[in-house]
């Protein structure tokens, strides 16, 4: 077995929504595995601060602030990245949003904002970054696209987050369709469906960890290492033959649970 099966040494990665939460977890893991990491988020101050924090340990993390909720924003991020690098090994489409409202009053803007960022942007950012991904991709070392979905796209969540759940289900299927197309260019597309991880988006897991853990078969919420391990697997040589899959990282909620 190769000793560098899970190494990302010499590779470059771009992670959207990388200033906090799951994006930041993945960025830290990629840096520890040897990658040069670019992070993007819509808030320049937060993006710059996280890049400085993650670089402090000796790795390289570079801030590229950008709102990718529009096609124009996706193209702008691609152009900004292109001013630094000629190729890209790993793209992580992590930026996302959620909206909670009752069915009878669920607003159109709560639908459009979530669907645009969670479903449309991963497609058009991957499109914008495709030349850079193709520049690094080879049969021996494919480039990687990792979409961050959710277990809410794999089974219904009782919360009334209609557009969020629909967008994540769509992203899982989009991952399969993109994988079928891009593997011809030696680009492997996969997805991760996180369960309960403490973040500003999942404030219940963050603020009521014990309660949430009591409803998870593994009896705990996810840690940084849980997310990093799966992301590094998919991004590295170890995941080269895993094409189009979606990995649930949820302590058993989706596949080892007897009920909600």
Protein backbone atom coordinates (compact mmCIF):
# COMPACT_ATOMS: atom_id res chain seq x y z
CA UNK A 1 0.00 0.00 0.00
CA UNK A 2 1.25 3.48 -0.85
CA UNK A 3 2.40 5.46 2.17
CA UNK A 4 0.94 8.65 0.69
CA UNK A 5 -2.53 7.23 0.10
CA UNK A 6 -4.17 10.06 2.07
CA UNK A 7 -1.58 12.75 1.35
CA UNK A 8 -2.51 16.05 -0.31
CA UNK A 9 1.07 17.24 -0.56
CA UNK A 10 1.65 19.38 -3.63
CA UNK A 11 -2.06 19.87 -4.34
CA UNK A 12 -4.10 23.06 -4.32
CA UNK A 13 -7.66 23.33 -3.08
CA UNK A 14 -10.41 25.96 -3.22
CA UNK A 15 -13.13 25.82 -0.57
CA UNK A 16 -16.19 28.05 -0.65
CA UNK A 17 -17.75 28.99 2.66
CA UNK A 18 -14.32 28.28 4.08
CA UNK A 19 -14.20 30.90 6.80
CA UNK A 20 -16.27 28.96 9.33
CA UNK A 21 -18.11 25.76 10.13
CA UNK A 22 -17.65 22.72 7.95
CA UNK A 23 -15.69 24.67 5.33
CA UNK A 24 -13.16 25.74 7.93
CA UNK A 25 -12.91 22.17 9.27
CA UNK A 26 -12.12 20.87 5.79
CA UNK A 27 -9.63 23.66 5.12
CA UNK A 28 -7.72 22.85 8.31
CA UNK A 29 -7.70 19.15 7.45
CA UNK A 30 -6.46 19.74 3.91
CA UNK A 31 -3.66 21.97 5.18
CA UNK A 32 -2.60 19.33 7.71
CA UNK A 33 -2.54 16.79 4.86
CA UNK A 34 -0.16 19.01 2.89
CA UNK A 35 -2.40 21.01 0.55
CA UNK A 36 -2.17 24.68 -0.31
CA UNK A 37 -5.66 25.98 0.42
CA UNK A 38 -7.65 28.92 -0.86
CA UNK A 39 -10.81 29.78 1.05
CA UNK A 40 -13.65 32.00 -0.04
CA UNK A 41 -16.62 33.55 1.73
CA UNK A 42 -18.79 36.59 1.18
CA UNK A 43 -17.41 38.46 4.21
CA UNK A 44 -13.84 39.67 3.52
CA UNK A 45 -12.96 40.27 7.17
CA UNK A 46 -13.97 36.80 8.29
CA UNK A 47 -12.28 35.21 5.28
CA UNK A 48 -9.02 37.07 5.89
CA UNK A 49 -9.05 36.25 9.61
CA UNK A 50 -9.59 32.53 9.05
CA UNK A 51 -6.86 32.40 6.40
CA UNK A 52 -4.43 34.04 8.82
CA UNK A 53 -5.45 31.66 11.61
CA UNK A 54 -5.04 28.54 9.47
CA UNK A 55 -1.70 29.74 8.09
CA UNK A 56 -0.30 30.35 11.57
CA UNK A 57 0.59 26.69 12.06
CA UNK A 58 2.97 26.68 9.13
CA UNK A 59 0.63 25.77 6.28
CA UNK A 60 -0.62 27.98 3.47
CA UNK A 61 -4.15 29.36 3.45
CA UNK A 62 -5.07 32.25 1.17
CA UNK A 63 -8.22 34.37 1.38
CA UNK A 64 -10.27 35.02 -1.77
CA UNK A 65 -13.47 36.74 -0.55
CA UNK A 66 -16.39 36.46 -2.97
CA UNK A 67 -20.17 36.07 -2.91
CA UNK A 68 -20.86 33.04 -5.12
CA UNK A 69 -24.65 33.22 -4.94
CA UNK A 70 -24.77 34.50 -8.53
CA UNK A 71 -23.25 33.29 -11.77
CA UNK A 72 -21.31 36.55 -11.97
CA UNK A 73 -19.89 35.87 -8.52
CA UNK A 74 -18.85 32.37 -9.53
CA UNK A 75 -17.04 33.72 -12.58
CA UNK A 76 -15.39 36.44 -10.48
CA UNK A 77 -14.04 33.85 -8.03
CA UNK A 78 -12.69 31.82 -10.93
CA UNK A 79 -10.92 34.89 -12.29
CA UNK A 80 -9.53 35.78 -8.86
CA UNK A 81 -8.18 32.27 -8.40
CA UNK A 82 -6.68 32.38 -11.88
CA UNK A 83 -4.57 35.36 -10.89
CA UNK A 84 -2.83 33.11 -8.34
CA UNK A 85 -2.77 29.66 -9.92
CA UNK A 86 -2.90 28.11 -13.37
CA UNK A 87 -4.56 24.91 -12.19
CA UNK A 88 -6.73 23.48 -9.42
CA UNK A 89 -6.62 20.00 -7.90
CA UNK A 90 -9.60 20.12 -5.51
CA UNK A 91 -12.77 22.21 -5.49
CA UNK A 92 -15.06 22.01 -2.46
CA UNK A 93 -18.51 23.52 -3.05
CA UNK A 94 -19.44 24.18 0.56
CA UNK A 95 -21.10 27.63 0.67
CA UNK A 96 -24.73 27.26 1.65
CA UNK A 97 -27.76 28.76 3.32
CA UNK A 98 -30.97 27.60 5.00
CA UNK A 99 -34.41 29.09 5.56
CA UNK A 100 -37.00 28.06 8.14
CA UNK A 101 -40.64 29.08 7.74
CA UNK A 102 -44.08 27.49 8.00
CA UNK A 103 -45.51 25.97 4.84
CA UNK A 104 -48.39 28.45 4.47
CA UNK A 105 -46.12 31.48 4.76
CA UNK A 106 -42.89 30.20 3.22
CA UNK A 107 -41.60 33.16 1.13
CA UNK A 108 -40.32 33.21 -2.42
CA UNK A 109 -37.08 34.91 -1.34
CA UNK A 110 -36.49 32.10 1.15
CA UNK A 111 -36.83 29.67 -1.73
CA UNK A 112 -34.72 31.53 -4.28
CA UNK A 113 -31.85 32.49 -1.95
CA UNK A 114 -31.34 28.92 -0.76
CA UNK A 115 -31.77 27.21 -4.11
CA UNK A 116 -29.43 29.67 -5.83
CA UNK A 117 -26.59 29.26 -3.34
CA UNK A 118 -27.02 25.58 -2.51
CA UNK A 119 -27.79 24.15 -5.94
CA UNK A 120 -27.15 26.60 -8.76
CA UNK A 121 -23.82 27.93 -7.49
CA UNK A 122 -22.07 24.54 -7.18
CA UNK A 123 -22.86 23.87 -10.82
CA UNK A 124 -21.77 27.24 -12.16
CA UNK A 125 -18.69 27.52 -9.95
CA UNK A 126 -17.57 24.09 -11.12
CA UNK A 127 -18.20 25.28 -14.66
CA UNK A 128 -16.10 28.39 -14.03
CA UNK A 129 -13.29 26.35 -12.47
CA UNK A 130 -13.39 23.56 -15.07
CA UNK A 131 -10.43 24.89 -17.11
CA UNK A 132 -8.26 25.02 -13.99
CA UNK A 133 -9.41 21.55 -12.92
CA UNK A 134 -8.72 20.11 -16.37
CA UNK A 135 -5.26 21.68 -16.32
CA UNK A 136 -4.30 19.56 -13.29
CA UNK A 137 -6.36 16.45 -13.98
CA UNK A 138 -4.76 13.29 -15.32
CA UNK A 139 -5.63 9.62 -15.53
CA UNK A 140 -3.01 8.93 -12.86
CA UNK A 141 -4.11 11.79 -10.56
CA UNK A 142 -7.66 12.99 -11.17
CA UNK A 143 -8.83 16.41 -10.06
CA UNK A 144 -11.62 16.40 -7.48
CA UNK A 145 -14.91 18.22 -6.98
CA UNK A 146 -16.56 17.65 -3.61
CA UNK A 147 -20.09 19.00 -3.09
CA UNK A 148 -21.27 19.48 0.48
CA UNK A 149 -24.85 18.27 0.61
CA UNK A 150 -26.73 17.23 3.78
CA UNK A 151 -28.50 14.24 5.25
CA UNK A 152 -31.61 16.43 4.88
CA UNK A 153 -31.30 15.72 1.17
CA UNK A 154 -31.33 11.97 1.84
CA UNK A 155 -34.34 11.73 4.15
CA UNK A 156 -36.96 14.25 5.35
CA UNK A 157 -36.17 16.42 8.33
CA UNK A 158 -39.19 17.41 10.46
CA UNK A 159 -38.10 21.06 10.38
CA UNK A 160 -39.88 23.22 7.80
CA UNK A 161 -36.77 24.01 5.79
CA UNK A 162 -38.39 23.27 2.45
CA UNK A 163 -35.96 24.92 0.06
CA UNK A 164 -32.93 23.67 2.00
CA UNK A 165 -34.04 20.05 1.89
CA UNK A 166 -34.99 20.28 -1.78
CA UNK A 167 -31.69 21.95 -2.69
CA UNK A 168 -29.60 19.31 -0.95
CA UNK A 169 -31.54 16.45 -2.53
CA UNK A 170 -31.01 18.13 -5.88
CA UNK A 171 -27.30 18.56 -5.19
CA UNK A 172 -26.90 14.85 -4.49
CA UNK A 173 -28.44 13.96 -7.85
CA UNK A 174 -26.53 16.76 -9.58
CA UNK A 175 -23.34 15.25 -8.15
CA UNK A 176 -24.09 11.97 -9.92
CA UNK A 177 -24.88 13.69 -13.20
CA UNK A 178 -21.78 15.89 -13.09
CA UNK A 179 -19.68 12.86 -12.18
CA UNK A 180 -20.92 10.99 -15.25
CA UNK A 181 -19.85 13.88 -17.47
CA UNK A 182 -16.60 15.05 -15.90
CA UNK A 183 -14.96 11.67 -15.32
CA UNK A 184 -14.16 11.73 -19.05
CA UNK A 185 -11.91 14.71 -18.23
CA UNK A 186 -10.34 12.87 -15.28
CA UNK A 187 -12.35 14.95 -12.80
CA UNK A 188 -13.94 12.92 -10.00
CA UNK A 189 -17.12 14.43 -8.55
CA UNK A 190 -18.45 13.26 -5.17
CA UNK A 191 -20.48 14.63 -2.28
CA UNK A 192 -20.56 14.60 1.50
CA UNK A 193 -23.82 14.68 3.44
CA UNK A 194 -23.07 15.94 6.94
CA UNK A 195 -25.33 15.27 9.88
CA UNK A 196 -25.06 17.17 13.17
CA UNK A 197 -21.90 19.27 13.39
CA UNK A 198 -21.64 22.35 15.59
CA UNK A 199 -21.73 25.45 13.37
CA UNK A 200 -23.43 28.79 12.93
CA UNK A 201 -25.82 27.11 10.49
CA UNK A 202 -26.63 24.20 12.82
CA UNK A 203 -27.08 26.17 16.00
CA UNK A 204 -29.04 23.34 17.63
CA UNK A 205 -26.03 21.04 17.42
CA UNK A 206 -23.82 23.91 18.57
CA UNK A 207 -25.93 25.05 21.52
CA UNK A 208 -27.78 21.84 22.52
CA UNK A 209 -25.15 19.21 21.80
CA UNK A 210 -26.28 16.77 24.49
CA UNK A 211 -29.90 16.83 23.32
CA UNK A 212 -28.93 16.34 19.69
CA UNK A 213 -26.48 13.57 20.59
CA UNK A 214 -29.24 11.66 22.37
CA UNK A 215 -31.04 11.28 19.02
CA UNK A 216 -27.99 10.01 17.11
CA UNK A 217 -27.13 6.27 17.05
CA UNK A 218 -23.46 7.08 17.74
CA UNK A 219 -24.59 9.17 20.75
CA UNK A 220 -22.51 12.23 19.85
CA UNK A 221 -22.35 15.05 17.35
CA UNK A 222 -19.65 15.20 14.70
CA UNK A 223 -16.15 16.49 15.38
CA UNK A 224 -13.74 18.34 13.12
CA UNK A 225 -11.82 15.11 12.59
CA UNK A 226 -14.95 13.25 11.47
CA UNK A 227 -15.46 15.75 8.66
CA UNK A 228 -11.78 16.05 7.82
CA UNK A 229 -11.29 12.31 7.52
CA UNK A 230 -14.00 11.86 4.90
CA UNK A 231 -13.02 15.00 2.97
CA UNK A 232 -9.35 13.97 2.85
CA UNK A 233 -10.33 10.46 1.72
CA UNK A 234 -12.35 11.83 -1.20
CA UNK A 235 -9.73 14.46 -2.10
CA UNK A 236 -6.71 12.14 -1.99
CA UNK A 237 -5.49 9.11 -3.92
CA UNK A 238 -7.56 6.99 -1.56
CA UNK A 239 -10.77 8.27 -3.17
CA UNK A 240 -9.77 8.24 -6.83
CA UNK A 241 -12.06 5.31 -7.70
CA UNK A 242 -15.07 6.58 -5.74
CA UNK A 243 -16.95 8.37 -8.51
CA UNK A 244 -20.34 10.00 -8.05
CA UNK A 245 -20.89 8.77 -4.51
CA UNK A 246 -22.40 10.68 -1.60
CA UNK A 247 -21.03 9.82 1.84
CA UNK A 248 -23.29 10.39 4.84
CA UNK A 249 -21.25 11.55 7.84
CA UNK A 250 -23.92 11.54 10.51
CA UNK A 251 -23.25 8.97 13.22
CA UNK A 252 -25.85 6.61 11.78
CA UNK A 253 -28.87 8.90 11.51
CA UNK A 254 -29.58 8.10 7.87
CA UNK A 255 -28.68 4.43 7.61
CA UNK A 256 -28.66 3.06 11.17
CA UNK A 257 -31.70 4.72 12.70
CA UNK A 258 -35.11 3.23 13.43
CA UNK A 259 -36.90 6.58 13.28
CA UNK A 260 -36.70 10.35 13.55
